[in-house]
Amino acid sequence: MDKHEHGERAEGHHLIPHKMAGPITVDNCVVMCRACHSNAHQAGRWGDISVYDDLAKLPMTEMIARIAALYPHYQG
């Protein structure tokens, strides 16, 4: 894995988690440093998907687009 200037490794973050049937595709991923990845999961609470409750009834492509808009370097 590549490391950024502060030595943290890069990790893939799924915009829509697997628990919500998020696809394992490039469009559903962003690359983040370890600290930012942990932060994206509410400080490491990997199983807590309650932040997605308001998106649950949307089509998958719209869910991905809404979450991706929060990531300034998303290229999907």
C-alpha atoms as a PDB file:
ATOM      1  CA  MET A   1       0.000   0.000   0.000  1.00  0.00           C
ATOM      2  CA  ASP A   2       1.124   3.537  -0.680  1.00  0.00           C
ATOM      3  CA  LYS A   3       1.815   5.879   2.203  1.00  0.00           C
ATOM      4  CA  HIS A   4       1.089   9.593   2.353  1.00  0.00           C
ATOM      5  CA  GLU A   5       3.483  12.263   3.554  1.00  0.00           C
ATOM      6  CA  HIS A   6       2.750  11.558   7.230  1.00  0.00           C
ATOM      7  CA  GLY A   7       3.370   7.836   6.881  1.00  0.00           C
ATOM      8  CA  GLU A   8      -0.201   6.561   6.991  1.00  0.00           C
ATOM      9  CA  ARG A   9      -1.225   3.924   4.503  1.00  0.00           C
ATOM     10  CA  ALA A  10      -3.984   4.454   1.966  1.00  0.00           C
ATOM     11  CA  GLU A  11      -7.205   2.493   2.370  1.00  0.00           C
ATOM     12  CA  GLY A  12     -10.292   2.039   0.224  1.00  0.00           C
ATOM     13  CA  HIS A  13     -13.532   3.331   1.740  1.00  0.00           C
ATOM     14  CA  HIS A  14     -16.888   2.159   0.422  1.00  0.00           C
ATOM     15  CA  LEU A  15     -19.246   5.107   0.087  1.00  0.00           C
ATOM     16  CA  ILE A  16     -22.265   2.865   0.672  1.00  0.00           C
ATOM     17  CA  PRO A  17     -21.343   0.088   3.119  1.00  0.00           C
ATOM     18  CA  HIS A  18     -21.722  -3.626   2.426  1.00  0.00           C
ATOM     19  CA  LYS A  19     -24.392  -3.835   5.144  1.00  0.00           C
ATOM     20  CA  MET A  20     -26.576  -1.683   2.880  1.00  0.00           C
ATOM     21  CA  ALA A  21     -25.770  -3.778  -0.211  1.00  0.00           C
ATOM     22  CA  GLY A  22     -23.167  -1.274  -1.373  1.00  0.00           C
ATOM     23  CA  PRO A  23     -21.505  -2.678  -4.483  1.00  0.00           C
ATOM     24  CA  ILE A  24     -17.862  -3.681  -4.599  1.00  0.00           C
ATOM     25  CA  THR A  25     -17.069  -1.350  -7.495  1.00  0.00           C
ATOM     26  CA  VAL A  26     -14.740   1.565  -8.173  1.00  0.00           C
ATOM     27  CA  ASP A  27     -17.746   3.917  -8.330  1.00  0.00           C
ATOM     28  CA  ASN A  28     -18.554   3.051  -4.714  1.00  0.00           C
ATOM     29  CA  CYS A  29     -15.029   3.687  -3.377  1.00  0.00           C
ATOM     30  CA  VAL A  30     -12.719   6.506  -2.413  1.00  0.00           C
ATOM     31  CA  VAL A  31      -9.104   6.231  -1.259  1.00  0.00           C
ATOM     32  CA  MET A  32      -8.353   7.722   2.145  1.00  0.00           C
ATOM     33  CA  CYS A  33      -5.553   7.733   4.680  1.00  0.00           C
ATOM     34  CA  ARG A  34      -6.127   5.523   7.726  1.00  0.00           C
ATOM     35  CA  ALA A  35      -7.065   8.435  10.013  1.00  0.00           C
ATOM     36  CA  CYS A  36      -9.644   9.823   7.574  1.00  0.00           C
ATOM     37  CA  HIS A  37     -11.047   6.339   6.966  1.00  0.00           C
ATOM     38  CA  SER A  38     -11.558   5.845  10.689  1.00  0.00           C
ATOM     39  CA  ASN A  39     -13.183   9.269  10.894  1.00  0.00           C
ATOM     40  CA  ALA A  40     -15.534   8.393   8.020  1.00  0.00           C
ATOM     41  CA  HIS A  41     -16.736   5.507  10.204  1.00  0.00           C
ATOM     42  CA  GLN A  42     -17.672   7.716  13.142  1.00  0.00           C
ATOM     43  CA  ALA A  43     -14.260   7.406  14.818  1.00  0.00           C
ATOM     44  CA  GLY A  44     -13.878   3.720  14.082  1.00  0.00           C
ATOM     45  CA  ARG A  45     -17.412   2.452  14.756  1.00  0.00           C
ATOM     46  CA  TRP A  46     -17.287   0.366  11.582  1.00  0.00           C
ATOM     47  CA  GLY A  47     -20.624  -1.371  12.188  1.00  0.00           C
ATOM     48  CA  ASP A  48     -22.650   1.806  12.786  1.00  0.00           C
ATOM     49  CA  ILE A  49     -24.492   2.606   9.562  1.00  0.00           C
ATOM     50  CA  SER A  50     -27.162   4.793  11.158  1.00  0.00           C
ATOM     51  CA  VAL A  51     -25.742   7.862   9.379  1.00  0.00           C
ATOM     52  CA  TYR A  52     -27.184   6.387   6.158  1.00  0.00           C
ATOM     53  CA  ASP A  53     -30.754   6.048   7.456  1.00  0.00           C
ATOM     54  CA  ASP A  54     -32.015   9.047   5.487  1.00  0.00           C
ATOM     55  CA  LEU A  55     -30.689   7.523   2.226  1.00  0.00           C
ATOM     56  CA  ALA A  56     -31.960   3.976   2.644  1.00  0.00           C
ATOM     57  CA  LYS A  57     -34.971   4.345   0.324  1.00  0.00           C
ATOM     58  CA  LEU A  58     -33.061   5.922  -2.567  1.00  0.00           C
ATOM     59  CA  PRO A  59     -31.789   4.004  -5.596  1.00  0.00           C
ATOM     60  CA  MET A  60     -28.166   2.850  -5.154  1.00  0.00           C
ATOM     61  CA  THR A  61     -26.788   5.244  -7.795  1.00  0.00           C
ATOM     62  CA  GLU A  62     -28.355   8.207  -6.012  1.00  0.00           C
ATOM     63  CA  MET A  63     -27.111   7.020  -2.604  1.00  0.00           C
ATOM     64  CA  ILE A  64     -23.572   6.807  -4.007  1.00  0.00           C
ATOM     65  CA  ALA A  65     -23.859  10.242  -5.637  1.00  0.00           C
ATOM     66  CA  ARG A  66     -25.073  11.900  -2.436  1.00  0.00           C
ATOM     67  CA  ILE A  67     -22.315  10.429  -0.287  1.00  0.00           C
ATOM     68  CA  ALA A  68     -19.670  10.993  -2.973  1.00  0.00           C
ATOM     69  CA  ALA A  69     -20.539  14.694  -2.988  1.00  0.00           C
ATOM     70  CA  LEU A  70     -19.094  14.849   0.543  1.00  0.00           C
ATOM     71  CA  TYR A  71     -15.655  13.780  -0.726  1.00  0.00           C
ATOM     72  CA  PRO A  72     -13.923  16.599  -2.667  1.00  0.00           C
ATOM     73  CA  HIS A  73     -11.533  14.273  -4.546  1.00  0.00           C
ATOM     74  CA  TYR A  74     -14.121  11.708  -5.628  1.00  0.00           C
ATOM     75  CA  GLN A  75     -13.617  10.848  -9.289  1.00  0.00           C
ATOM     76  CA  GLY A  76     -16.383   8.246  -9.855  1.00  0.00           C
END
